[in-house]
Amino acid sequence: MPVDITWWGHATATVADSGVRVLTDPLFVRRLAHLRRRRGALPPPEAAVADVAVVSHLHADHLHLRSLERLASGTRLLVPYGAQRAVPGLRRLAAGAGLRVTEVVPGDEVVVGDVVIRAVRAAHDGRRLPYGPRRSPALGYVVCGEARTYFAGDTGLFAEMADEVGPCDVALLPVGGWGPYLGPGHLNATRAAQALARLAPRSAVPVHYGTYWPIGLDPVRPHEFHAPGEEFVRHAAQLAPGVAVHRLGQGETVRPEVAR
């Protein structure tokens, strides 16, 4: 059975593997606080169709309650440990929308159909900003079915990344952000290519760039919005030439090659 990856913009993607649809960090709005969607149409209703959704950390552009409301009743939802305590609205939403919430920490595995989803560590501030306590870890996830697909969430480069992720066929890596400057705990195009060289998957899809931008800051370092995808392709060709990089437009799907 083939594996399909669809990028909906920002960190939101669908991994369709072994008859299971895994949705990452759902964000389905045109505007979020001071951010507005500058590229790509809003994801269509079918983007919210999933067997399981995974949330990498508690920042509002990754754990977005209004977007989670679009998930069908009965959908599994994996969130970092402590998320329901740190974000009270999540517990109310889960009860009202009929979502089946499971809190996970690095190393936990959850079986959904013929897929096993394993939580892995991410080097990122996982709390609910701006005031949340540091109780919830930032996570990545490895979706293991016909392929092994690593969704990194938001993360910086860390020495144990390849060991903790393990062998993977596809890597969904963040290569930018939503503002003119990236703080610590993020990958830019260069660092993402370095991560790619360590992970050595067969294929990669850059995510988390070129979608949202602060209102009124269009002229401030615009290359940080427009360029990360192309820069990642260029750096990956130098540092990880054996990896096929698929730079998708929002809403586009790729069927990457996987090991048999």
C-alpha atoms as a PDB file:
ATOM      1  CA  MET A   1       0.000   0.000   0.000  1.00  0.00           C
ATOM      2  CA  PRO A   2       1.543   3.379  -0.967  1.00  0.00           C
ATOM      3  CA  VAL A   3       2.266   6.146   1.519  1.00  0.00           C
ATOM      4  CA  ASP A   4       0.992   9.652   0.727  1.00  0.00           C
ATOM      5  CA  ILE A   5       2.124  12.902   2.337  1.00  0.00           C
ATOM      6  CA  THR A   6      -0.024  16.028   1.935  1.00  0.00           C
ATOM      7  CA  TRP A   7       1.174  19.393   3.219  1.00  0.00           C
ATOM      8  CA  TRP A   8      -1.619  21.814   4.143  1.00  0.00           C
ATOM      9  CA  GLY A   9       0.681  24.660   5.226  1.00  0.00           C
ATOM     10  CA  HIS A  10       2.640  25.567   8.377  1.00  0.00           C
ATOM     11  CA  ALA A  11       3.154  22.346  10.414  1.00  0.00           C
ATOM     12  CA  THR A  12      -0.101  20.746   9.264  1.00  0.00           C
ATOM     13  CA  ALA A  13       0.229  17.642   7.110  1.00  0.00           C
ATOM     14  CA  THR A  14      -1.555  14.359   6.504  1.00  0.00           C
ATOM     15  CA  VAL A  15       0.405  11.114   6.493  1.00  0.00           C
ATOM     16  CA  ALA A  16      -1.730   8.396   4.890  1.00  0.00           C
ATOM     17  CA  ASP A  17      -0.167   4.998   5.593  1.00  0.00           C
ATOM     18  CA  SER A  18      -1.615   1.475   5.766  1.00  0.00           C
ATOM     19  CA  GLY A  19      -5.172   2.778   5.571  1.00  0.00           C
ATOM     20  CA  VAL A  20      -4.649   5.194   8.504  1.00  0.00           C
ATOM     21  CA  ARG A  21      -4.743   8.985   8.156  1.00  0.00           C
ATOM     22  CA  VAL A  22      -2.468  10.788  10.609  1.00  0.00           C
ATOM     23  CA  LEU A  23      -2.919  14.570  10.852  1.00  0.00           C
ATOM     24  CA  THR A  24      -0.133  16.707  12.311  1.00  0.00           C
ATOM     25  CA  ASP A  25      -0.600  19.940  14.300  1.00  0.00           C
ATOM     26  CA  PRO A  26      -3.945  20.969  12.750  1.00  0.00           C
ATOM     27  CA  LEU A  27      -4.196  24.696  11.969  1.00  0.00           C
ATOM     28  CA  PHE A  28      -7.117  25.616   9.728  1.00  0.00           C
ATOM     29  CA  VAL A  29      -7.618  29.373  10.203  1.00  0.00           C
ATOM     30  CA  ARG A  30      -6.865  32.438   8.131  1.00  0.00           C
ATOM     31  CA  ARG A  31      -5.778  34.466  11.128  1.00  0.00           C
ATOM     32  CA  LEU A  32      -4.284  33.558  14.507  1.00  0.00           C
ATOM     33  CA  ALA A  33      -3.797  36.521  16.881  1.00  0.00           C
ATOM     34  CA  HIS A  34      -1.235  38.743  15.105  1.00  0.00           C
ATOM     35  CA  LEU A  35      -0.551  36.212  12.358  1.00  0.00           C
ATOM     36  CA  ARG A  36      -2.334  35.940   9.049  1.00  0.00           C
ATOM     37  CA  ARG A  37      -2.119  33.318   6.353  1.00  0.00           C
ATOM     38  CA  ARG A  38      -0.257  34.883   3.460  1.00  0.00           C
ATOM     39  CA  ARG A  39       0.155  31.918   1.135  1.00  0.00           C
ATOM     40  CA  GLY A  40      -2.091  29.049   0.164  1.00  0.00           C
ATOM     41  CA  ALA A  41      -5.835  28.663   0.417  1.00  0.00           C
ATOM     42  CA  LEU A  42      -7.319  27.467   3.670  1.00  0.00           C
ATOM     43  CA  PRO A  43      -7.270  23.664   3.829  1.00  0.00           C
ATOM     44  CA  PRO A  44     -10.508  22.103   2.509  1.00  0.00           C
ATOM     45  CA  PRO A  45     -12.870  20.152   4.787  1.00  0.00           C
ATOM     46  CA  GLU A  46     -11.246  16.836   3.846  1.00  0.00           C
ATOM     47  CA  ALA A  47      -8.008  18.016   5.478  1.00  0.00           C
ATOM     48  CA  ALA A  48      -9.668  17.516   8.877  1.00  0.00           C
ATOM     49  CA  VAL A  49     -10.562  13.903   8.090  1.00  0.00           C
ATOM     50  CA  ALA A  50      -8.201  11.774  10.169  1.00  0.00           C
ATOM     51  CA  ASP A  51      -8.088   8.631  12.230  1.00  0.00           C
ATOM     52  CA  VAL A  52      -5.618  10.237  14.605  1.00  0.00           C
ATOM     53  CA  ALA A  53      -4.222  13.741  15.052  1.00  0.00           C
ATOM     54  CA  VAL A  54      -0.904  14.419  16.763  1.00  0.00           C
ATOM     55  CA  VAL A  55       0.058  17.652  18.504  1.00  0.00           C
ATOM     56  CA  SER A  56       3.762  18.356  18.918  1.00  0.00           C
ATOM     57  CA  HIS A  57       3.605  21.048  21.628  1.00  0.00           C
ATOM     58  CA  LEU A  58       1.307  23.554  23.256  1.00  0.00           C
ATOM     59  CA  HIS A  59       2.060  26.743  21.313  1.00  0.00           C
ATOM     60  CA  ALA A  60      -1.163  28.132  19.861  1.00  0.00           C
ATOM     61  CA  ASP A  61      -0.051  27.639  16.245  1.00  0.00           C
ATOM     62  CA  HIS A  62       0.375  23.910  16.949  1.00  0.00           C
ATOM     63  CA  LEU A  63      -2.311  23.181  19.543  1.00  0.00           C
ATOM     64  CA  HIS A  64      -5.179  25.265  18.152  1.00  0.00           C
ATOM     65  CA  LEU A  65      -8.528  24.564  19.760  1.00  0.00           C
ATOM     66  CA  ARG A  66     -10.745  25.981  17.011  1.00  0.00           C
ATOM     67  CA  SER A  67      -9.004  23.792  14.451  1.00  0.00           C
ATOM     68  CA  LEU A  68      -9.309  20.705  16.645  1.00  0.00           C
ATOM     69  CA  GLU A  69     -13.066  21.364  16.768  1.00  0.00           C
ATOM     70  CA  ARG A  70     -13.184  20.353  13.089  1.00  0.00           C
ATOM     71  CA  LEU A  71     -12.118  16.782  13.849  1.00  0.00           C
ATOM     72  CA  ALA A  72     -14.880  14.207  13.785  1.00  0.00           C
ATOM     73  CA  SER A  73     -16.178  12.660  16.987  1.00  0.00           C
ATOM     74  CA  GLY A  74     -14.151   9.579  17.871  1.00  0.00           C
ATOM     75  CA  THR A  75     -10.891  10.846  16.386  1.00  0.00           C
ATOM     76  CA  ARG A  76      -7.835   9.894  18.424  1.00  0.00           C
ATOM     77  CA  LEU A  77      -5.767  12.874  19.588  1.00  0.00           C
ATOM     78  CA  LEU A  78      -2.217  12.489  20.884  1.00  0.00           C
ATOM     79  CA  VAL A  79      -0.880  15.420  22.908  1.00  0.00           C
ATOM     80  CA  PRO A  80       2.138  15.988  25.165  1.00  0.00           C
ATOM     81  CA  TYR A  81       1.851  14.946  28.779  1.00  0.00           C
ATOM     82  CA  GLY A  82       0.176  17.649  30.876  1.00  0.00           C
ATOM     83  CA  ALA A  83      -1.573  19.309  27.933  1.00  0.00           C
ATOM     84  CA  GLN A  84      -5.075  19.024  29.390  1.00  0.00           C
ATOM     85  CA  ARG A  85      -3.955  20.583  32.646  1.00  0.00           C
ATOM     86  CA  ALA A  86      -2.024  23.398  30.936  1.00  0.00           C
ATOM     87  CA  VAL A  87      -4.790  24.152  28.401  1.00  0.00           C
ATOM     88  CA  PRO A  88      -8.140  23.713  30.196  1.00  0.00           C
ATOM     89  CA  GLY A  89     -10.055  24.375  27.002  1.00  0.00           C
ATOM     90  CA  LEU A  90      -8.607  21.167  25.560  1.00  0.00           C
ATOM     91  CA  ARG A  91     -10.399  19.000  28.125  1.00  0.00           C
ATOM     92  CA  ARG A  92     -13.698  20.808  27.507  1.00  0.00           C
ATOM     93  CA  LEU A  93     -13.263  20.566  23.744  1.00  0.00           C
ATOM     94  CA  ALA A  94     -12.420  16.877  23.895  1.00  0.00           C
ATOM     95  CA  ALA A  95     -15.529  16.137  25.930  1.00  0.00           C
ATOM     96  CA  GLY A  96     -17.785  18.249  23.729  1.00  0.00           C
ATOM     97  CA  ALA A  97     -16.370  17.077  20.405  1.00  0.00           C
ATOM     98  CA  GLY A  98     -15.961  13.446  21.408  1.00  0.00           C
ATOM     99  CA  LEU A  99     -12.204  13.330  20.827  1.00  0.00           C
ATOM    100  CA  ARG A 100     -10.255  10.484  22.436  1.00  0.00           C
ATOM    101  CA  VAL A 101      -7.259  12.223  24.011  1.00  0.00           C
ATOM    102  CA  THR A 102      -4.077  10.415  25.011  1.00  0.00           C
ATOM    103  CA  GLU A 103      -1.202  12.244  26.684  1.00  0.00           C
ATOM    104  CA  VAL A 104       2.241  10.905  25.761  1.00  0.00           C
ATOM    105  CA  VAL A 105       5.899  11.383  26.633  1.00  0.00           C
ATOM    106  CA  PRO A 106       8.978  10.464  24.594  1.00  0.00           C
ATOM    107  CA  GLY A 107       9.148   6.716  24.097  1.00  0.00           C
ATOM    108  CA  ASP A 108       5.403   6.098  24.334  1.00  0.00           C
ATOM    109  CA  GLU A 109       3.806   4.137  21.495  1.00  0.00           C
ATOM    110  CA  VAL A 110       0.168   4.214  20.436  1.00  0.00           C
ATOM    111  CA  VAL A 111      -1.357   1.714  18.006  1.00  0.00           C
ATOM    112  CA  VAL A 112      -3.963   2.975  15.534  1.00  0.00           C
ATOM    113  CA  GLY A 113      -5.089   0.345  13.045  1.00  0.00           C
ATOM    114  CA  ASP A 114      -1.990  -1.040  11.330  1.00  0.00           C
ATOM    115  CA  VAL A 115       0.145   1.933  12.342  1.00  0.00           C
ATOM    116  CA  VAL A 116       2.268   2.470  15.442  1.00  0.00           C
ATOM    117  CA  ILE A 117       2.928   6.089  16.436  1.00  0.00           C
ATOM    118  CA  ARG A 118       5.947   6.669  18.678  1.00  0.00           C
ATOM    119  CA  ALA A 119       6.571   9.947  20.495  1.00  0.00           C
ATOM    120  CA  VAL A 120      10.143  11.235  20.439  1.00  0.00           C
ATOM    121  CA  ARG A 121      11.911  14.157  22.060  1.00  0.00           C
ATOM    122  CA  ALA A 122      12.110  17.613  20.491  1.00  0.00           C
ATOM    123  CA  ALA A 123      14.475  20.403  21.544  1.00  0.00           C
ATOM    124  CA  HIS A 124      11.907  23.178  21.911  1.00  0.00           C
ATOM    125  CA  ASP A 125      10.013  25.124  24.577  1.00  0.00           C
ATOM    126  CA  GLY A 126       6.849  23.042  24.822  1.00  0.00           C
ATOM    127  CA  ARG A 127       4.808  25.096  27.295  1.00  0.00           C
ATOM    128  CA  ARG A 128       1.685  27.130  26.519  1.00  0.00           C
ATOM    129  CA  LEU A 129       3.067  30.616  25.972  1.00  0.00           C
ATOM    130  CA  PRO A 130       3.418  33.215  27.243  1.00  0.00           C
ATOM    131  CA  TYR A 131       2.930  32.123  30.847  1.00  0.00           C
ATOM    132  CA  GLY A 132       2.514  28.375  30.919  1.00  0.00           C
ATOM    133  CA  PRO A 133       4.545  26.255  33.344  1.00  0.00           C
ATOM    134  CA  ARG A 134       7.285  24.031  31.951  1.00  0.00           C
ATOM    135  CA  ARG A 135       5.400  20.775  32.460  1.00  0.00           C
ATOM    136  CA  SER A 136       4.668  19.563  28.944  1.00  0.00           C
ATOM    137  CA  PRO A 137       7.457  18.300  26.698  1.00  0.00           C
ATOM    138  CA  ALA A 138       7.745  19.271  23.067  1.00  0.00           C
ATOM    139  CA  LEU A 139       7.534  16.163  20.916  1.00  0.00           C
ATOM    140  CA  GLY A 140       8.097  14.755  17.497  1.00  0.00           C
ATOM    141  CA  TYR A 141       6.366  11.618  16.252  1.00  0.00           C
ATOM    142  CA  VAL A 142       7.436   8.630  14.171  1.00  0.00           C
ATOM    143  CA  VAL A 143       4.579   7.031  12.230  1.00  0.00           C
ATOM    144  CA  CYS A 144       5.438   3.391  11.569  1.00  0.00           C
ATOM    145  CA  GLY A 145       3.373   1.532   9.005  1.00  0.00           C
ATOM    146  CA  GLU A 146       4.325   0.702   5.445  1.00  0.00           C
ATOM    147  CA  ALA A 147       6.877   3.505   5.894  1.00  0.00           C
ATOM    148  CA  ARG A 148       8.555   5.130   8.864  1.00  0.00           C
ATOM    149  CA  THR A 149       7.692   8.828   8.732  1.00  0.00           C
ATOM    150  CA  TYR A 150       9.243  11.296  11.174  1.00  0.00           C
ATOM    151  CA  PHE A 151       7.281  14.457  11.933  1.00  0.00           C
ATOM    152  CA  ALA A 152       9.672  16.710  13.858  1.00  0.00           C
ATOM    153  CA  GLY A 153       7.155  19.281  15.123  1.00  0.00           C
ATOM    154  CA  ASP A 154       9.227  22.278  16.222  1.00  0.00           C
ATOM    155  CA  THR A 155      12.747  21.435  17.278  1.00  0.00           C
ATOM    156  CA  GLY A 156      16.312  22.555  17.322  1.00  0.00           C
ATOM    157  CA  LEU A 157      19.150  20.310  16.232  1.00  0.00           C
ATOM    158  CA  PHE A 158      20.365  18.063  19.056  1.00  0.00           C
ATOM    159  CA  ALA A 159      23.090  15.440  19.205  1.00  0.00           C
ATOM    160  CA  GLU A 160      20.831  12.452  19.925  1.00  0.00           C
ATOM    161  CA  MET A 161      18.248  13.210  17.239  1.00  0.00           C
ATOM    162  CA  ALA A 162      19.148  10.382  14.857  1.00  0.00           C
ATOM    163  CA  ASP A 163      19.440   7.833  17.678  1.00  0.00           C
ATOM    164  CA  GLU A 164      16.096   8.786  19.218  1.00  0.00           C
ATOM    165  CA  VAL A 165      14.229   8.895  15.892  1.00  0.00           C
ATOM    166  CA  GLY A 166      15.855   5.749  14.520  1.00  0.00           C
ATOM    167  CA  PRO A 167      15.747   4.664  10.883  1.00  0.00           C
ATOM    168  CA  CYS A 168      13.130   6.523   8.845  1.00  0.00           C
ATOM    169  CA  ASP A 169      11.977   6.629   5.245  1.00  0.00           C
ATOM    170  CA  VAL A 170      10.485  10.134   5.235  1.00  0.00           C
ATOM    171  CA  ALA A 171      11.287  13.198   7.352  1.00  0.00           C
ATOM    172  CA  LEU A 172       8.927  16.166   7.697  1.00  0.00           C
ATOM    173  CA  LEU A 173      11.263  18.888   8.933  1.00  0.00           C
ATOM    174  CA  PRO A 174      10.551  22.504   9.930  1.00  0.00           C
ATOM    175  CA  VAL A 175      12.753  24.852   7.915  1.00  0.00           C
ATOM    176  CA  GLY A 176      11.462  28.302   8.912  1.00  0.00           C
ATOM    177  CA  GLY A 177       8.958  30.063  11.122  1.00  0.00           C
ATOM    178  CA  TRP A 178       6.213  32.666  11.216  1.00  0.00           C
ATOM    179  CA  GLY A 179       8.294  35.773  11.902  1.00  0.00           C
ATOM    180  CA  PRO A 180      11.418  37.634  10.841  1.00  0.00           C
ATOM    181  CA  TYR A 181      13.635  35.937  13.421  1.00  0.00           C
ATOM    182  CA  LEU A 182      13.965  32.383  14.668  1.00  0.00           C
ATOM    183  CA  GLY A 183      14.776  31.969  18.332  1.00  0.00           C
ATOM    184  CA  PRO A 184      16.479  28.987  19.968  1.00  0.00           C
ATOM    185  CA  GLY A 185      14.864  25.590  19.565  1.00  0.00           C
ATOM    186  CA  HIS A 186      14.140  25.952  15.853  1.00  0.00           C
ATOM    187  CA  LEU A 187      15.557  24.607  12.623  1.00  0.00           C
ATOM    188  CA  ASN A 188      16.258  26.989   9.768  1.00  0.00           C
ATOM    189  CA  ALA A 189      17.045  25.762   6.265  1.00  0.00           C
ATOM    190  CA  THR A 190      20.713  25.141   7.052  1.00  0.00           C
ATOM    191  CA  ARG A 191      20.177  23.353  10.350  1.00  0.00           C
ATOM    192  CA  ALA A 192      17.344  21.311   8.868  1.00  0.00           C
ATOM    193  CA  ALA A 193      19.719  20.116   6.141  1.00  0.00           C
ATOM    194  CA  GLN A 194      22.224  19.182   8.842  1.00  0.00           C
ATOM    195  CA  ALA A 195      19.481  17.212  10.605  1.00  0.00           C
ATOM    196  CA  LEU A 196      18.641  15.541   7.311  1.00  0.00           C
ATOM    197  CA  ALA A 197      22.248  14.418   6.885  1.00  0.00           C
ATOM    198  CA  ARG A 198      22.132  12.799  10.325  1.00  0.00           C
ATOM    199  CA  LEU A 199      18.728  11.158   9.864  1.00  0.00           C
ATOM    200  CA  ALA A 200      19.479   9.894   6.323  1.00  0.00           C
ATOM    201  CA  PRO A 201      15.902   9.121   5.239  1.00  0.00           C
ATOM    202  CA  ARG A 202      15.014   8.293   1.654  1.00  0.00           C
ATOM    203  CA  SER A 203      12.826  11.403   1.293  1.00  0.00           C
ATOM    204  CA  ALA A 204      12.134  14.705   3.011  1.00  0.00           C
ATOM    205  CA  VAL A 205       9.369  17.294   2.951  1.00  0.00           C
ATOM    206  CA  PRO A 206      10.069  20.799   4.322  1.00  0.00           C
ATOM    207  CA  VAL A 207       7.272  22.239   6.473  1.00  0.00           C
ATOM    208  CA  HIS A 208       6.659  25.121   8.901  1.00  0.00           C
ATOM    209  CA  TYR A 209       7.491  27.988   6.557  1.00  0.00           C
ATOM    210  CA  GLY A 210       5.912  30.267   3.989  1.00  0.00           C
ATOM    211  CA  THR A 211       2.372  30.225   5.406  1.00  0.00           C
ATOM    212  CA  TYR A 212       1.791  32.651   8.308  1.00  0.00           C
ATOM    213  CA  TRP A 213       3.388  36.041   8.907  1.00  0.00           C
ATOM    214  CA  PRO A 214       2.781  38.866  11.416  1.00  0.00           C
ATOM    215  CA  ILE A 215       0.355  41.542  10.287  1.00  0.00           C
ATOM    216  CA  GLY A 216       2.190  44.709   9.266  1.00  0.00           C
ATOM    217  CA  LEU A 217       5.630  43.082   9.013  1.00  0.00           C
ATOM    218  CA  ASP A 218       5.576  42.157   5.331  1.00  0.00           C
ATOM    219  CA  PRO A 219       8.642  44.299   4.516  1.00  0.00           C
ATOM    220  CA  VAL A 220      10.712  43.077   7.486  1.00  0.00           C
ATOM    221  CA  ARG A 221      13.188  40.362   6.386  1.00  0.00           C
ATOM    222  CA  PRO A 222      10.751  38.997   3.763  1.00  0.00           C
ATOM    223  CA  HIS A 223      13.273  36.360   2.671  1.00  0.00           C
ATOM    224  CA  GLU A 224      12.560  34.569   5.968  1.00  0.00           C
ATOM    225  CA  PHE A 225       9.038  33.994   4.641  1.00  0.00           C
ATOM    226  CA  HIS A 226       9.751  33.274   0.974  1.00  0.00           C
ATOM    227  CA  ALA A 227      13.151  31.581   0.858  1.00  0.00           C
ATOM    228  CA  PRO A 228      13.422  28.734   3.429  1.00  0.00           C
ATOM    229  CA  GLY A 229      11.994  26.008   1.174  1.00  0.00           C
ATOM    230  CA  GLU A 230      14.352  26.735  -1.711  1.00  0.00           C
ATOM    231  CA  GLU A 231      17.282  27.208   0.666  1.00  0.00           C
ATOM    232  CA  PHE A 232      16.576  23.844   2.278  1.00  0.00           C
ATOM    233  CA  VAL A 233      16.556  22.150  -1.135  1.00  0.00           C
ATOM    234  CA  ARG A 234      19.923  23.742  -1.932  1.00  0.00           C
ATOM    235  CA  HIS A 235      21.575  22.893   1.385  1.00  0.00           C
ATOM    236  CA  ALA A 236      20.138  19.364   1.376  1.00  0.00           C
ATOM    237  CA  ALA A 237      21.674  18.739  -2.051  1.00  0.00           C
ATOM    238  CA  GLN A 238      25.071  19.586  -0.566  1.00  0.00           C
ATOM    239  CA  LEU A 239      24.792  17.878   2.826  1.00  0.00           C
ATOM    240  CA  ALA A 240      22.468  14.939   2.062  1.00  0.00           C
ATOM    241  CA  PRO A 241      22.668  14.354  -1.696  1.00  0.00           C
ATOM    242  CA  GLY A 242      21.141  10.885  -1.455  1.00  0.00           C
ATOM    243  CA  VAL A 243      17.838  12.197  -0.039  1.00  0.00           C
ATOM    244  CA  ALA A 244      14.965  13.066  -2.393  1.00  0.00           C
ATOM    245  CA  VAL A 245      13.558  16.414  -1.228  1.00  0.00           C
ATOM    246  CA  HIS A 246       9.950  17.189  -2.165  1.00  0.00           C
ATOM    247  CA  ARG A 247       9.140  20.887  -1.805  1.00  0.00           C
ATOM    248  CA  LEU A 248       5.347  20.930  -1.882  1.00  0.00           C
ATOM    249  CA  GLY A 249       2.902  23.755  -2.319  1.00  0.00           C
ATOM    250  CA  GLN A 250       0.082  23.981   0.200  1.00  0.00           C
ATOM    251  CA  GLY A 251      -2.433  21.250  -0.561  1.00  0.00           C
ATOM    252  CA  GLU A 252      -0.032  19.214  -2.715  1.00  0.00           C
ATOM    253  CA  THR A 253       0.594  15.492  -2.186  1.00  0.00           C
ATOM    254  CA  VAL A 254       3.663  13.342  -2.771  1.00  0.00           C
ATOM    255  CA  ARG A 255       4.017   9.575  -2.763  1.00  0.00           C
ATOM    256  CA  PRO A 256       7.625   9.091  -1.640  1.00  0.00           C
ATOM    257  CA  GLU A 257       9.688   6.004  -2.241  1.00  0.00           C
ATOM    258  CA  VAL A 258       9.871   3.723   0.791  1.00  0.00           C
ATOM    259  CA  ALA A 259      11.996   0.696   1.643  1.00  0.00           C
ATOM    260  CA  ARG A 260      10.517  -2.681   0.771  1.00  0.00           C
END
